[in-house]
Amino acid sequence: MDANVDLNPRVGMKFDTLEDAWEFWLKYGRQVGFDVRKHYINKSKNDCKVTSRGFVCAKQGIRGKEKEDMICTRNRDETRTNF
């Protein structure tokens, strides 16, 4: 990605690859000052091609119940704040 690229996200942005989109989001988060994570992925039922992918702030949302109920060898701190 070119250093002169506008790092202001806009609704409807399109990228050539998922990797390009993820790299953009990582750079944007770094520039603004927050950590990021991958949120969801939607795929076509016909050919399994990705139709959309969501990226969010690492603190967005709350951890699902299924993650809380798992037996873990090491409990992780809750970092999501639902903002």
C-alpha atoms as a PDB file:
ATOM      1  CA  MET A   1       0.000   0.000   0.000  1.00  0.00           C
ATOM      2  CA  ASP A   2       1.343   3.401  -1.014  1.00  0.00           C
ATOM      3  CA  ALA A   3       2.411   5.747   1.797  1.00  0.00           C
ATOM      4  CA  ASN A   4       0.297   8.551   0.244  1.00  0.00           C
ATOM      5  CA  VAL A   5      -2.976   6.612   0.522  1.00  0.00           C
ATOM      6  CA  ASP A   6      -5.842   8.368   2.340  1.00  0.00           C
ATOM      7  CA  LEU A   7      -6.320   6.480   5.630  1.00  0.00           C
ATOM      8  CA  ASN A   8      -9.847   7.737   6.329  1.00  0.00           C
ATOM      9  CA  PRO A   9     -12.283   4.801   6.075  1.00  0.00           C
ATOM     10  CA  ARG A  10     -15.532   5.387   4.166  1.00  0.00           C
ATOM     11  CA  VAL A  11     -18.688   3.308   3.805  1.00  0.00           C
ATOM     12  CA  GLY A  12     -18.532   1.153   0.687  1.00  0.00           C
ATOM     13  CA  MET A  13     -14.765   1.055   0.326  1.00  0.00           C
ATOM     14  CA  LYS A  14     -13.549  -1.813  -1.862  1.00  0.00           C
ATOM     15  CA  PHE A  15     -10.189  -3.555  -1.917  1.00  0.00           C
ATOM     16  CA  ASP A  16      -8.575  -5.960  -4.358  1.00  0.00           C
ATOM     17  CA  THR A  17      -7.884  -8.578  -1.682  1.00  0.00           C
ATOM     18  CA  LEU A  18      -8.784  -9.313   1.939  1.00  0.00           C
ATOM     19  CA  GLU A  19      -5.132  -8.822   2.804  1.00  0.00           C
ATOM     20  CA  ASP A  20      -5.220  -5.279   1.353  1.00  0.00           C
ATOM     21  CA  ALA A  21      -8.319  -4.468   3.426  1.00  0.00           C
ATOM     22  CA  TRP A  22      -6.760  -5.884   6.609  1.00  0.00           C
ATOM     23  CA  GLU A  23      -3.524  -3.971   6.002  1.00  0.00           C
ATOM     24  CA  PHE A  24      -5.519  -0.747   5.532  1.00  0.00           C
ATOM     25  CA  TRP A  25      -7.406  -1.334   8.808  1.00  0.00           C
ATOM     26  CA  LEU A  26      -4.178  -2.116  10.697  1.00  0.00           C
ATOM     27  CA  LYS A  27      -2.563   1.095   9.431  1.00  0.00           C
ATOM     28  CA  TYR A  28      -5.672   3.155  10.190  1.00  0.00           C
ATOM     29  CA  GLY A  29      -5.910   1.764  13.729  1.00  0.00           C
ATOM     30  CA  ARG A  30      -2.227   2.414  14.318  1.00  0.00           C
ATOM     31  CA  GLN A  31      -2.559   5.998  13.016  1.00  0.00           C
ATOM     32  CA  VAL A  32      -5.597   6.769  15.178  1.00  0.00           C
ATOM     33  CA  GLY A  33      -4.292   4.865  18.211  1.00  0.00           C
ATOM     34  CA  PHE A  34      -6.305   1.677  18.715  1.00  0.00           C
ATOM     35  CA  ASP A  35      -5.843  -2.072  18.295  1.00  0.00           C
ATOM     36  CA  VAL A  36      -7.959  -3.903  15.733  1.00  0.00           C
ATOM     37  CA  ARG A  37      -9.401  -7.359  15.171  1.00  0.00           C
ATOM     38  CA  LYS A  38     -11.361  -9.280  12.564  1.00  0.00           C
ATOM     39  CA  HIS A  39     -15.087  -9.357  13.377  1.00  0.00           C
ATOM     40  CA  TYR A  40     -17.096 -11.356  10.828  1.00  0.00           C
ATOM     41  CA  ILE A  41     -16.959 -12.830   7.341  1.00  0.00           C
ATOM     42  CA  ASN A  42     -19.797 -13.462   4.882  1.00  0.00           C
ATOM     43  CA  LYS A  43     -19.385 -15.914   2.022  1.00  0.00           C
ATOM     44  CA  SER A  44     -21.559 -16.725  -0.980  1.00  0.00           C
ATOM     45  CA  LYS A  45     -23.417 -20.025  -0.655  1.00  0.00           C
ATOM     46  CA  ASN A  46     -22.909 -20.706  -4.367  1.00  0.00           C
ATOM     47  CA  ASP A  47     -19.144 -20.448  -4.709  1.00  0.00           C
ATOM     48  CA  CYS A  48     -17.902 -19.687  -1.152  1.00  0.00           C
ATOM     49  CA  LYS A  49     -16.352 -16.390  -2.278  1.00  0.00           C
ATOM     50  CA  VAL A  50     -16.113 -13.705   0.394  1.00  0.00           C
ATOM     51  CA  THR A  51     -18.834 -11.090  -0.079  1.00  0.00           C
ATOM     52  CA  SER A  52     -18.029  -8.955   2.961  1.00  0.00           C
ATOM     53  CA  ARG A  53     -15.663  -8.863   5.920  1.00  0.00           C
ATOM     54  CA  GLY A  54     -15.897  -6.799   9.098  1.00  0.00           C
ATOM     55  CA  PHE A  55     -13.016  -5.250  10.994  1.00  0.00           C
ATOM     56  CA  VAL A  56     -13.504  -3.512  14.343  1.00  0.00           C
ATOM     57  CA  CYS A  57     -11.681  -1.932  17.263  1.00  0.00           C
ATOM     58  CA  ALA A  58     -10.290  -4.685  19.487  1.00  0.00           C
ATOM     59  CA  LYS A  59     -12.467  -3.475  22.388  1.00  0.00           C
ATOM     60  CA  GLN A  60     -15.751  -3.510  20.447  1.00  0.00           C
ATOM     61  CA  GLY A  61     -18.511  -5.820  21.678  1.00  0.00           C
ATOM     62  CA  ILE A  62     -18.540  -8.404  24.420  1.00  0.00           C
ATOM     63  CA  ARG A  63     -17.203 -11.931  24.451  1.00  0.00           C
ATOM     64  CA  GLY A  64     -19.829 -14.555  23.620  1.00  0.00           C
ATOM     65  CA  LYS A  65     -21.194 -16.939  26.245  1.00  0.00           C
ATOM     66  CA  GLU A  66     -19.671 -19.938  24.453  1.00  0.00           C
ATOM     67  CA  LYS A  67     -16.214 -18.465  25.066  1.00  0.00           C
ATOM     68  CA  GLU A  68     -16.950 -17.864  28.767  1.00  0.00           C
ATOM     69  CA  ASP A  69     -18.162 -21.418  29.367  1.00  0.00           C
ATOM     70  CA  MET A  70     -15.144 -23.167  27.886  1.00  0.00           C
ATOM     71  CA  ILE A  71     -12.789 -24.974  30.249  1.00  0.00           C
ATOM     72  CA  CYS A  72      -9.503 -23.152  29.855  1.00  0.00           C
ATOM     73  CA  THR A  73      -6.044 -23.793  31.190  1.00  0.00           C
ATOM     74  CA  ARG A  74      -5.513 -20.048  31.374  1.00  0.00           C
ATOM     75  CA  ASN A  75      -8.299 -17.518  31.831  1.00  0.00           C
ATOM     76  CA  ARG A  76      -7.849 -14.377  29.769  1.00  0.00           C
ATOM     77  CA  ASP A  77      -8.774 -10.946  31.044  1.00  0.00           C
ATOM     78  CA  GLU A  78     -11.899  -9.416  29.532  1.00  0.00           C
ATOM     79  CA  THR A  79     -10.693  -6.640  27.212  1.00  0.00           C
ATOM     80  CA  ARG A  80     -13.875  -5.827  25.322  1.00  0.00           C
ATOM     81  CA  THR A  81     -15.822  -2.867  26.633  1.00  0.00           C
ATOM     82  CA  ASN A  82     -18.881  -2.993  24.319  1.00  0.00           C
ATOM     83  CA  PHE A  83     -18.075   0.399  22.763  1.00  0.00           C
END
